[in-house]
């Protein structure tokens, strides 16, 4: 994709603003709560940072896909969950407090674990390893990006939120909407400028890969929660957390370090759309089941 240094800085600023707006509503209590929910938190982190990245690697080794697609899938699988999972968990009548705690912890853990997972899984696939060497990107480069894109905005957001008093909720809502719209405009503009290059990519096939990958993530989340004996509300939260990745972060890294490579960018963009669809489908399914069980009882 055509992508300039000025656009790179603009995207970094937009992503930073988005994460800043998310962090405004986080508090130290969200992190303290982790100790009180250790089994469920462990299940969520295991599914998020161990099972999903390495199961994705297994899929890329078993199925012959383009290297850009495989690398995009590995990048998304290495990302932490986004705070959209908190909203979906709430709508699904899951344990929202658990969801918030998992998202907060995952955002911190990802600073170290995400570049390690991505570097290791990508290096173990011969196709992606050879392709990755063309960009001369290592785990250290991505770790430094995460410090700027993730850690700094989150720390500033929590600091502002802690001192915003009664204006905290209003500030968070305004900043989040502005940042989300700005990110959407950037992505649409980038794809429009490169529409001819993207026209050579089989978009329908990309969407199929993303749907299958998302089903794998949701299944791993549900299966891990079940193995840990989590109650229904916790199981819903863990399923959604593992199944809804921070695709905005994946898109940011794709543009920042990989020049907006079309296949990687499409994987991230389709993930950002599809996991909302699958999440809301789960909301409908779980609510229907609740109503059905209530009617029977």
C-alpha atoms as a PDB file:
ATOM      1  CA  UNK A   1       0.000   0.000   0.000  1.00  0.00           C
ATOM      2  CA  UNK A   2       1.013   3.588  -0.525  1.00  0.00           C
ATOM      3  CA  UNK A   3       1.857   4.849   2.926  1.00  0.00           C
ATOM      4  CA  UNK A   4       3.981   7.838   3.922  1.00  0.00           C
ATOM      5  CA  UNK A   5       5.849   8.707   7.119  1.00  0.00           C
ATOM      6  CA  UNK A   6       3.340  11.507   7.807  1.00  0.00           C
ATOM      7  CA  UNK A   7       0.481   9.003   7.601  1.00  0.00           C
ATOM      8  CA  UNK A   8       2.366   6.681   9.948  1.00  0.00           C
ATOM      9  CA  UNK A   9       2.607   9.391  12.609  1.00  0.00           C
ATOM     10  CA  UNK A  10      -1.048  10.293  12.083  1.00  0.00           C
ATOM     11  CA  UNK A  11      -2.165   6.692  12.568  1.00  0.00           C
ATOM     12  CA  UNK A  12       0.004   6.324  15.672  1.00  0.00           C
ATOM     13  CA  UNK A  13      -1.591   9.450  17.122  1.00  0.00           C
ATOM     14  CA  UNK A  14      -5.117   8.216  16.355  1.00  0.00           C
ATOM     15  CA  UNK A  15      -4.467   4.793  17.901  1.00  0.00           C
ATOM     16  CA  UNK A  16      -2.882   6.414  20.924  1.00  0.00           C
ATOM     17  CA  UNK A  17      -5.941   8.622  21.336  1.00  0.00           C
ATOM     18  CA  UNK A  18      -8.247   5.623  21.078  1.00  0.00           C
ATOM     19  CA  UNK A  19      -6.345   3.714  23.771  1.00  0.00           C
ATOM     20  CA  UNK A  20      -6.161   6.872  25.887  1.00  0.00           C
ATOM     21  CA  UNK A  21      -9.952   7.158  25.756  1.00  0.00           C
ATOM     22  CA  UNK A  22     -10.345   3.503  26.752  1.00  0.00           C
ATOM     23  CA  UNK A  23      -7.956   3.869  29.702  1.00  0.00           C
ATOM     24  CA  UNK A  24      -9.875   6.843  31.139  1.00  0.00           C
ATOM     25  CA  UNK A  25     -12.430   4.423  32.570  1.00  0.00           C
ATOM     26  CA  UNK A  26      -9.845   1.997  33.982  1.00  0.00           C
ATOM     27  CA  UNK A  27      -8.936   2.199  37.670  1.00  0.00           C
ATOM     28  CA  UNK A  28      -6.463   0.466  39.950  1.00  0.00           C
ATOM     29  CA  UNK A  29      -9.416  -1.522  41.321  1.00  0.00           C
ATOM     30  CA  UNK A  30      -9.725  -3.221  37.925  1.00  0.00           C
ATOM     31  CA  UNK A  31      -6.219  -4.600  38.423  1.00  0.00           C
ATOM     32  CA  UNK A  32      -6.693  -5.382  42.118  1.00  0.00           C
ATOM     33  CA  UNK A  33      -9.728  -7.467  41.182  1.00  0.00           C
ATOM     34  CA  UNK A  34      -7.464  -9.844  39.263  1.00  0.00           C
ATOM     35  CA  UNK A  35      -6.360 -11.559  42.485  1.00  0.00           C
ATOM     36  CA  UNK A  36      -9.964 -12.236  43.489  1.00  0.00           C
ATOM     37  CA  UNK A  37     -10.765 -13.953  40.183  1.00  0.00           C
ATOM     38  CA  UNK A  38      -7.554 -15.880  39.627  1.00  0.00           C
ATOM     39  CA  UNK A  39      -8.945 -19.134  38.103  1.00  0.00           C
ATOM     40  CA  UNK A  40     -11.131 -17.295  35.580  1.00  0.00           C
ATOM     41  CA  UNK A  41      -8.383 -14.761  34.794  1.00  0.00           C
ATOM     42  CA  UNK A  42      -5.919 -17.618  34.261  1.00  0.00           C
ATOM     43  CA  UNK A  43      -8.327 -19.316  31.845  1.00  0.00           C
ATOM     44  CA  UNK A  44      -8.738 -16.089  29.888  1.00  0.00           C
ATOM     45  CA  UNK A  45      -5.009 -15.326  29.706  1.00  0.00           C
ATOM     46  CA  UNK A  46      -4.212 -18.931  28.749  1.00  0.00           C
ATOM     47  CA  UNK A  47      -6.696 -18.828  25.884  1.00  0.00           C
ATOM     48  CA  UNK A  48      -5.636 -15.332  24.802  1.00  0.00           C
ATOM     49  CA  UNK A  49      -1.853 -15.526  24.924  1.00  0.00           C
ATOM     50  CA  UNK A  50      -1.019 -19.227  24.648  1.00  0.00           C
ATOM     51  CA  UNK A  51      -3.698 -21.289  22.932  1.00  0.00           C
ATOM     52  CA  UNK A  52      -4.844 -18.834  20.259  1.00  0.00           C
ATOM     53  CA  UNK A  53      -1.414 -17.750  18.919  1.00  0.00           C
ATOM     54  CA  UNK A  54      -0.033 -21.271  18.862  1.00  0.00           C
ATOM     55  CA  UNK A  55      -3.205 -22.853  17.477  1.00  0.00           C
ATOM     56  CA  UNK A  56      -3.067 -20.204  14.741  1.00  0.00           C
ATOM     57  CA  UNK A  57       0.523 -21.219  13.990  1.00  0.00           C
ATOM     58  CA  UNK A  58      -0.628 -24.846  13.685  1.00  0.00           C
ATOM     59  CA  UNK A  59      -3.345 -23.795  11.230  1.00  0.00           C
ATOM     60  CA  UNK A  60      -0.874 -21.828   9.083  1.00  0.00           C
ATOM     61  CA  UNK A  61       1.427 -24.869   8.974  1.00  0.00           C
ATOM     62  CA  UNK A  62      -1.382 -27.238   8.009  1.00  0.00           C
ATOM     63  CA  UNK A  63      -3.196 -25.021   5.502  1.00  0.00           C
ATOM     64  CA  UNK A  64      -1.370 -23.525   2.519  1.00  0.00           C
ATOM     65  CA  UNK A  65      -2.272 -19.814   2.595  1.00  0.00           C
ATOM     66  CA  UNK A  66      -0.481 -16.766   1.177  1.00  0.00           C
ATOM     67  CA  UNK A  67       2.346 -15.624   3.460  1.00  0.00           C
ATOM     68  CA  UNK A  68       0.742 -12.193   3.965  1.00  0.00           C
ATOM     69  CA  UNK A  69      -2.509 -13.814   5.098  1.00  0.00           C
ATOM     70  CA  UNK A  70      -0.696 -16.132   7.485  1.00  0.00           C
ATOM     71  CA  UNK A  71       1.337 -13.286   8.944  1.00  0.00           C
ATOM     72  CA  UNK A  72      -1.820 -11.193   9.373  1.00  0.00           C
ATOM     73  CA  UNK A  73      -3.510 -14.054  11.201  1.00  0.00           C
ATOM     74  CA  UNK A  74      -0.498 -14.549  13.482  1.00  0.00           C
ATOM     75  CA  UNK A  75      -0.388 -10.824  14.236  1.00  0.00           C
ATOM     76  CA  UNK A  76      -4.082 -10.634  15.121  1.00  0.00           C
ATOM     77  CA  UNK A  77      -3.810 -13.792  17.241  1.00  0.00           C
ATOM     78  CA  UNK A  78      -0.959 -12.220  19.209  1.00  0.00           C
ATOM     79  CA  UNK A  79      -2.957  -9.077  20.025  1.00  0.00           C
ATOM     80  CA  UNK A  80      -4.734  -8.614  23.364  1.00  0.00           C
ATOM     81  CA  UNK A  81      -8.501  -8.338  23.558  1.00  0.00           C
ATOM     82  CA  UNK A  82     -10.084  -4.938  23.035  1.00  0.00           C
ATOM     83  CA  UNK A  83     -12.492  -3.131  25.335  1.00  0.00           C
ATOM     84  CA  UNK A  84     -15.340  -3.838  22.916  1.00  0.00           C
ATOM     85  CA  UNK A  85     -15.393  -7.243  24.607  1.00  0.00           C
ATOM     86  CA  UNK A  86     -16.586  -5.523  27.791  1.00  0.00           C
ATOM     87  CA  UNK A  87     -19.634  -4.131  25.996  1.00  0.00           C
ATOM     88  CA  UNK A  88     -20.483  -7.443  24.325  1.00  0.00           C
ATOM     89  CA  UNK A  89     -20.038  -9.341  27.606  1.00  0.00           C
ATOM     90  CA  UNK A  90     -22.427  -6.923  29.326  1.00  0.00           C
ATOM     91  CA  UNK A  91     -25.035  -7.363  26.579  1.00  0.00           C
ATOM     92  CA  UNK A  92     -24.590 -11.136  26.771  1.00  0.00           C
ATOM     93  CA  UNK A  93     -25.252 -11.057  30.544  1.00  0.00           C
ATOM     94  CA  UNK A  94     -21.783 -12.350  31.260  1.00  0.00           C
ATOM     95  CA  UNK A  95     -19.489 -11.315  34.099  1.00  0.00           C
ATOM     96  CA  UNK A  96     -18.682  -7.747  33.021  1.00  0.00           C
ATOM     97  CA  UNK A  97     -16.371  -7.091  35.978  1.00  0.00           C
ATOM     98  CA  UNK A  98     -14.318 -10.132  34.989  1.00  0.00           C
ATOM     99  CA  UNK A  99     -14.234  -8.929  31.389  1.00  0.00           C
ATOM    100  CA  UNK A 100     -12.910  -5.506  32.418  1.00  0.00           C
ATOM    101  CA  UNK A 101     -10.239  -7.101  34.625  1.00  0.00           C
ATOM    102  CA  UNK A 102      -9.106  -9.435  31.830  1.00  0.00           C
ATOM    103  CA  UNK A 103      -8.912  -6.585  29.309  1.00  0.00           C
ATOM    104  CA  UNK A 104      -6.919  -4.425  31.713  1.00  0.00           C
ATOM    105  CA  UNK A 105      -4.481  -7.221  32.542  1.00  0.00           C
ATOM    106  CA  UNK A 106      -4.157  -8.314  28.901  1.00  0.00           C
ATOM    107  CA  UNK A 107      -3.290  -4.776  27.832  1.00  0.00           C
ATOM    108  CA  UNK A 108      -0.339  -4.764  30.254  1.00  0.00           C
ATOM    109  CA  UNK A 109       0.767  -8.354  29.580  1.00  0.00           C
ATOM    110  CA  UNK A 110       0.666  -7.710  25.818  1.00  0.00           C
ATOM    111  CA  UNK A 111       3.500  -5.183  26.040  1.00  0.00           C
ATOM    112  CA  UNK A 112       5.889  -8.081  26.678  1.00  0.00           C
ATOM    113  CA  UNK A 113       4.053 -11.181  25.462  1.00  0.00           C
ATOM    114  CA  UNK A 114       2.636  -9.916  22.166  1.00  0.00           C
ATOM    115  CA  UNK A 115       5.980  -9.243  20.407  1.00  0.00           C
ATOM    116  CA  UNK A 116       7.367 -12.520  21.772  1.00  0.00           C
ATOM    117  CA  UNK A 117       4.390 -14.525  20.513  1.00  0.00           C
ATOM    118  CA  UNK A 118       4.405 -12.852  17.128  1.00  0.00           C
ATOM    119  CA  UNK A 119       8.169 -13.179  16.632  1.00  0.00           C
ATOM    120  CA  UNK A 120       8.233 -16.826  17.723  1.00  0.00           C
ATOM    121  CA  UNK A 121       5.177 -18.033  15.815  1.00  0.00           C
ATOM    122  CA  UNK A 122       6.157 -16.157  12.649  1.00  0.00           C
ATOM    123  CA  UNK A 123       9.706 -17.533  12.799  1.00  0.00           C
ATOM    124  CA  UNK A 124       8.472 -21.128  13.137  1.00  0.00           C
ATOM    125  CA  UNK A 125       6.510 -20.984   9.890  1.00  0.00           C
ATOM    126  CA  UNK A 126       9.028 -21.200   7.003  1.00  0.00           C
ATOM    127  CA  UNK A 127       6.848 -19.105   4.677  1.00  0.00           C
ATOM    128  CA  UNK A 128       6.215 -16.266   7.102  1.00  0.00           C
ATOM    129  CA  UNK A 129       9.803 -16.376   8.416  1.00  0.00           C
ATOM    130  CA  UNK A 130      11.209 -15.843   4.917  1.00  0.00           C
ATOM    131  CA  UNK A 131       8.622 -13.168   4.179  1.00  0.00           C
ATOM    132  CA  UNK A 132       9.239 -11.413   7.502  1.00  0.00           C
ATOM    133  CA  UNK A 133      12.972 -11.108   6.809  1.00  0.00           C
ATOM    134  CA  UNK A 134      12.171  -8.845   3.861  1.00  0.00           C
ATOM    135  CA  UNK A 135      10.890  -6.236   6.310  1.00  0.00           C
ATOM    136  CA  UNK A 136      13.747  -6.668   8.825  1.00  0.00           C
ATOM    137  CA  UNK A 137      11.267  -6.557  11.724  1.00  0.00           C
ATOM    138  CA  UNK A 138      12.028  -8.122  15.094  1.00  0.00           C
ATOM    139  CA  UNK A 139      10.239  -8.510  18.390  1.00  0.00           C
ATOM    140  CA  UNK A 140      12.148  -5.533  19.827  1.00  0.00           C
ATOM    141  CA  UNK A 141      10.766  -3.198  17.166  1.00  0.00           C
ATOM    142  CA  UNK A 142       7.196  -4.235  17.898  1.00  0.00           C
ATOM    143  CA  UNK A 143       7.797  -4.059  21.667  1.00  0.00           C
ATOM    144  CA  UNK A 144       8.962  -0.449  21.320  1.00  0.00           C
ATOM    145  CA  UNK A 145       5.882   0.321  19.227  1.00  0.00           C
ATOM    146  CA  UNK A 146       3.662  -1.201  21.903  1.00  0.00           C
ATOM    147  CA  UNK A 147       5.258   0.990  24.551  1.00  0.00           C
ATOM    148  CA  UNK A 148       4.285   4.041  22.505  1.00  0.00           C
ATOM    149  CA  UNK A 149       0.979   2.752  21.132  1.00  0.00           C
ATOM    150  CA  UNK A 150      -0.269   0.927  24.223  1.00  0.00           C
ATOM    151  CA  UNK A 151       1.561   1.575  27.500  1.00  0.00           C
ATOM    152  CA  UNK A 152       1.984   5.357  27.323  1.00  0.00           C
ATOM    153  CA  UNK A 153      -1.598   6.211  26.218  1.00  0.00           C
ATOM    154  CA  UNK A 154      -3.024   3.822  28.816  1.00  0.00           C
ATOM    155  CA  UNK A 155      -0.957   5.323  31.629  1.00  0.00           C
ATOM    156  CA  UNK A 156      -1.947   8.856  30.621  1.00  0.00           C
ATOM    157  CA  UNK A 157      -5.597   7.855  30.246  1.00  0.00           C
ATOM    158  CA  UNK A 158      -5.728   6.317  33.713  1.00  0.00           C
ATOM    159  CA  UNK A 159      -4.029   9.396  35.167  1.00  0.00           C
ATOM    160  CA  UNK A 160      -6.534  11.754  33.531  1.00  0.00           C
ATOM    161  CA  UNK A 161      -9.467   9.530  34.491  1.00  0.00           C
ATOM    162  CA  UNK A 162      -8.370   9.423  38.113  1.00  0.00           C
ATOM    163  CA  UNK A 163      -8.390  13.222  38.262  1.00  0.00           C
ATOM    164  CA  UNK A 164     -11.429  13.955  36.090  1.00  0.00           C
ATOM    165  CA  UNK A 165     -13.954  13.549  38.912  1.00  0.00           C
ATOM    166  CA  UNK A 166     -17.579  13.763  37.836  1.00  0.00           C
ATOM    167  CA  UNK A 167     -16.537  14.658  34.276  1.00  0.00           C
ATOM    168  CA  UNK A 168     -14.834  11.310  33.799  1.00  0.00           C
ATOM    169  CA  UNK A 169     -17.683   9.455  32.060  1.00  0.00           C
ATOM    170  CA  UNK A 170     -18.484  12.370  29.728  1.00  0.00           C
ATOM    171  CA  UNK A 171     -14.824  12.864  28.847  1.00  0.00           C
ATOM    172  CA  UNK A 172     -14.362   9.191  28.108  1.00  0.00           C
ATOM    173  CA  UNK A 173     -17.409   9.066  25.853  1.00  0.00           C
ATOM    174  CA  UNK A 174     -16.383  12.167  23.855  1.00  0.00           C
ATOM    175  CA  UNK A 175     -12.755  11.100  23.440  1.00  0.00           C
ATOM    176  CA  UNK A 176     -13.656   7.517  22.513  1.00  0.00           C
ATOM    177  CA  UNK A 177     -16.175   8.554  19.850  1.00  0.00           C
ATOM    178  CA  UNK A 178     -13.782  11.085  18.348  1.00  0.00           C
ATOM    179  CA  UNK A 179     -10.878   8.616  18.249  1.00  0.00           C
ATOM    180  CA  UNK A 180     -13.035   5.818  16.818  1.00  0.00           C
ATOM    181  CA  UNK A 181     -14.369   8.037  14.031  1.00  0.00           C
ATOM    182  CA  UNK A 182     -10.839   9.298  13.274  1.00  0.00           C
ATOM    183  CA  UNK A 183      -9.546   5.729  13.015  1.00  0.00           C
ATOM    184  CA  UNK A 184     -12.442   4.722  10.774  1.00  0.00           C
ATOM    185  CA  UNK A 185     -11.804   7.703   8.472  1.00  0.00           C
ATOM    186  CA  UNK A 186      -8.101   6.865   8.290  1.00  0.00           C
ATOM    187  CA  UNK A 187      -8.730   3.206   7.388  1.00  0.00           C
ATOM    188  CA  UNK A 188     -11.374   4.030   4.776  1.00  0.00           C
ATOM    189  CA  UNK A 189      -9.117   6.688   3.219  1.00  0.00           C
ATOM    190  CA  UNK A 190      -6.133   4.334   3.151  1.00  0.00           C
ATOM    191  CA  UNK A 191      -8.119   1.590   1.446  1.00  0.00           C
ATOM    192  CA  UNK A 192      -9.651   4.064  -1.023  1.00  0.00           C
ATOM    193  CA  UNK A 193      -6.221   5.392  -2.031  1.00  0.00           C
ATOM    194  CA  UNK A 194      -5.058   1.838  -2.624  1.00  0.00           C
ATOM    195  CA  UNK A 195      -8.250   0.410  -4.106  1.00  0.00           C
ATOM    196  CA  UNK A 196      -6.522  -0.758  -7.300  1.00  0.00           C
ATOM    197  CA  UNK A 197      -3.916  -2.754  -5.383  1.00  0.00           C
ATOM    198  CA  UNK A 198      -6.590  -4.214  -3.146  1.00  0.00           C
ATOM    199  CA  UNK A 199      -8.656  -5.156  -6.181  1.00  0.00           C
ATOM    200  CA  UNK A 200      -6.107  -7.867  -6.959  1.00  0.00           C
ATOM    201  CA  UNK A 201      -6.726  -9.500  -3.588  1.00  0.00           C
ATOM    202  CA  UNK A 202      -9.597 -11.953  -3.232  1.00  0.00           C
ATOM    203  CA  UNK A 203     -11.514 -10.121  -0.510  1.00  0.00           C
ATOM    204  CA  UNK A 204     -14.180 -12.805  -0.181  1.00  0.00           C
ATOM    205  CA  UNK A 205     -11.523 -15.421   0.511  1.00  0.00           C
ATOM    206  CA  UNK A 206      -9.959 -13.141   3.137  1.00  0.00           C
ATOM    207  CA  UNK A 207     -13.306 -12.815   4.898  1.00  0.00           C
ATOM    208  CA  UNK A 208     -13.636 -16.598   4.906  1.00  0.00           C
ATOM    209  CA  UNK A 209     -10.240 -16.955   6.580  1.00  0.00           C
ATOM    210  CA  UNK A 210     -11.221 -14.392   9.209  1.00  0.00           C
ATOM    211  CA  UNK A 211     -14.557 -16.096   9.964  1.00  0.00           C
ATOM    212  CA  UNK A 212     -12.836 -19.466  10.430  1.00  0.00           C
ATOM    213  CA  UNK A 213     -10.100 -17.889  12.554  1.00  0.00           C
ATOM    214  CA  UNK A 214     -12.640 -16.089  14.738  1.00  0.00           C
ATOM    215  CA  UNK A 215     -14.607 -19.316  15.254  1.00  0.00           C
ATOM    216  CA  UNK A 216     -11.367 -20.962  16.372  1.00  0.00           C
ATOM    217  CA  UNK A 217     -10.752 -18.138  18.880  1.00  0.00           C
ATOM    218  CA  UNK A 218     -14.286 -18.309  20.286  1.00  0.00           C
ATOM    219  CA  UNK A 219     -14.071 -22.090  20.547  1.00  0.00           C
ATOM    220  CA  UNK A 220     -10.753 -21.927  22.382  1.00  0.00           C
ATOM    221  CA  UNK A 221     -12.162 -19.349  24.810  1.00  0.00           C
ATOM    222  CA  UNK A 222     -15.254 -21.416  25.538  1.00  0.00           C
ATOM    223  CA  UNK A 223     -13.305 -24.670  25.787  1.00  0.00           C
ATOM    224  CA  UNK A 224     -10.686 -23.238  28.145  1.00  0.00           C
ATOM    225  CA  UNK A 225     -13.347 -21.714  30.411  1.00  0.00           C
ATOM    226  CA  UNK A 226     -15.189 -25.050  30.485  1.00  0.00           C
ATOM    227  CA  UNK A 227     -12.020 -26.978  31.380  1.00  0.00           C
ATOM    228  CA  UNK A 228     -11.420 -24.575  34.274  1.00  0.00           C
ATOM    229  CA  UNK A 229     -14.954 -25.210  35.536  1.00  0.00           C
ATOM    230  CA  UNK A 230     -16.015 -21.585  35.162  1.00  0.00           C
ATOM    231  CA  UNK A 231     -19.667 -20.733  35.884  1.00  0.00           C
ATOM    232  CA  UNK A 232     -21.840 -19.658  32.989  1.00  0.00           C
ATOM    233  CA  UNK A 233     -21.397 -15.886  33.403  1.00  0.00           C
ATOM    234  CA  UNK A 234     -17.602 -16.252  33.605  1.00  0.00           C
ATOM    235  CA  UNK A 235     -17.584 -18.645  30.650  1.00  0.00           C
ATOM    236  CA  UNK A 236     -19.359 -16.070  28.523  1.00  0.00           C
ATOM    237  CA  UNK A 237     -16.867 -13.362  29.500  1.00  0.00           C
ATOM    238  CA  UNK A 238     -13.856 -15.576  28.738  1.00  0.00           C
ATOM    239  CA  UNK A 239     -15.304 -16.711  25.402  1.00  0.00           C
ATOM    240  CA  UNK A 240     -15.849 -13.134  24.276  1.00  0.00           C
ATOM    241  CA  UNK A 241     -12.453 -11.945  25.575  1.00  0.00           C
ATOM    242  CA  UNK A 242     -10.504 -14.584  23.644  1.00  0.00           C
ATOM    243  CA  UNK A 243     -12.714 -14.209  20.568  1.00  0.00           C
ATOM    244  CA  UNK A 244     -12.550 -10.411  20.220  1.00  0.00           C
ATOM    245  CA  UNK A 245      -9.041  -9.220  19.379  1.00  0.00           C
ATOM    246  CA  UNK A 246      -7.716  -5.651  19.377  1.00  0.00           C
ATOM    247  CA  UNK A 247      -7.640  -5.550  15.583  1.00  0.00           C
ATOM    248  CA  UNK A 248      -7.033  -1.778  15.621  1.00  0.00           C
ATOM    249  CA  UNK A 249      -3.631  -2.502  17.154  1.00  0.00           C
ATOM    250  CA  UNK A 250      -2.936  -5.117  14.472  1.00  0.00           C
ATOM    251  CA  UNK A 251      -3.855  -2.622  11.744  1.00  0.00           C
ATOM    252  CA  UNK A 252      -1.619   0.010  13.343  1.00  0.00           C
ATOM    253  CA  UNK A 253       1.377  -2.342  13.404  1.00  0.00           C
ATOM    254  CA  UNK A 254       0.654  -3.433   9.821  1.00  0.00           C
ATOM    255  CA  UNK A 255       0.809   0.148   8.596  1.00  0.00           C
ATOM    256  CA  UNK A 256       3.667   1.167  10.881  1.00  0.00           C
ATOM    257  CA  UNK A 257       6.051  -1.739  10.269  1.00  0.00           C
ATOM    258  CA  UNK A 258       4.807  -3.493   7.143  1.00  0.00           C
ATOM    259  CA  UNK A 259       3.959  -0.576   4.879  1.00  0.00           C
ATOM    260  CA  UNK A 260       0.252  -1.352   4.942  1.00  0.00           C
ATOM    261  CA  UNK A 261       0.770  -4.744   3.244  1.00  0.00           C
ATOM    262  CA  UNK A 262      -2.656  -5.410   1.618  1.00  0.00           C
ATOM    263  CA  UNK A 263      -3.248  -8.972   2.800  1.00  0.00           C
ATOM    264  CA  UNK A 264      -2.240  -8.250   6.395  1.00  0.00           C
ATOM    265  CA  UNK A 265      -4.284  -5.034   6.404  1.00  0.00           C
ATOM    266  CA  UNK A 266      -7.360  -6.815   5.069  1.00  0.00           C
ATOM    267  CA  UNK A 267      -7.104  -9.552   7.704  1.00  0.00           C
ATOM    268  CA  UNK A 268      -7.012  -6.894  10.445  1.00  0.00           C
ATOM    269  CA  UNK A 269      -9.799  -4.830   8.886  1.00  0.00           C
ATOM    270  CA  UNK A 270     -12.107  -7.820   8.376  1.00  0.00           C
ATOM    271  CA  UNK A 271     -11.415  -8.978  11.947  1.00  0.00           C
ATOM    272  CA  UNK A 272     -12.434  -5.544  13.210  1.00  0.00           C
ATOM    273  CA  UNK A 273     -15.786  -5.922  11.476  1.00  0.00           C
ATOM    274  CA  UNK A 274     -16.491  -9.620  11.791  1.00  0.00           C
ATOM    275  CA  UNK A 275     -15.831 -10.045  15.512  1.00  0.00           C
ATOM    276  CA  UNK A 276     -18.590  -7.491  16.143  1.00  0.00           C
ATOM    277  CA  UNK A 277     -20.964  -9.619  14.049  1.00  0.00           C
ATOM    278  CA  UNK A 278     -19.995 -12.860  15.792  1.00  0.00           C
ATOM    279  CA  UNK A 279     -20.083 -11.176  19.207  1.00  0.00           C
ATOM    280  CA  UNK A 280     -23.591  -9.880  18.677  1.00  0.00           C
ATOM    281  CA  UNK A 281     -24.635 -13.288  17.340  1.00  0.00           C
ATOM    282  CA  UNK A 282     -23.462 -14.794  20.635  1.00  0.00           C
ATOM    283  CA  UNK A 283     -25.408 -12.144  22.533  1.00  0.00           C
ATOM    284  CA  UNK A 284     -28.550 -13.153  20.662  1.00  0.00           C
ATOM    285  CA  UNK A 285     -27.893 -16.874  21.152  1.00  0.00           C
ATOM    286  CA  UNK A 286     -27.185 -16.601  24.855  1.00  0.00           C
ATOM    287  CA  UNK A 287     -30.174 -14.308  25.498  1.00  0.00           C
ATOM    288  CA  UNK A 288     -32.426 -16.673  23.565  1.00  0.00           C
ATOM    289  CA  UNK A 289     -31.160 -19.572  25.668  1.00  0.00           C
ATOM    290  CA  UNK A 290     -31.730 -17.617  28.892  1.00  0.00           C
ATOM    291  CA  UNK A 291     -35.292 -16.801  27.869  1.00  0.00           C
ATOM    292  CA  UNK A 292     -35.898 -20.426  26.839  1.00  0.00           C
ATOM    293  CA  UNK A 293     -34.578 -21.772  30.160  1.00  0.00           C
ATOM    294  CA  UNK A 294     -36.590 -19.202  32.089  1.00  0.00           C
ATOM    295  CA  UNK A 295     -39.764 -20.189  30.256  1.00  0.00           C
ATOM    296  CA  UNK A 296     -39.113 -23.861  31.017  1.00  0.00           C
ATOM    297  CA  UNK A 297     -38.398 -23.107  34.689  1.00  0.00           C
END
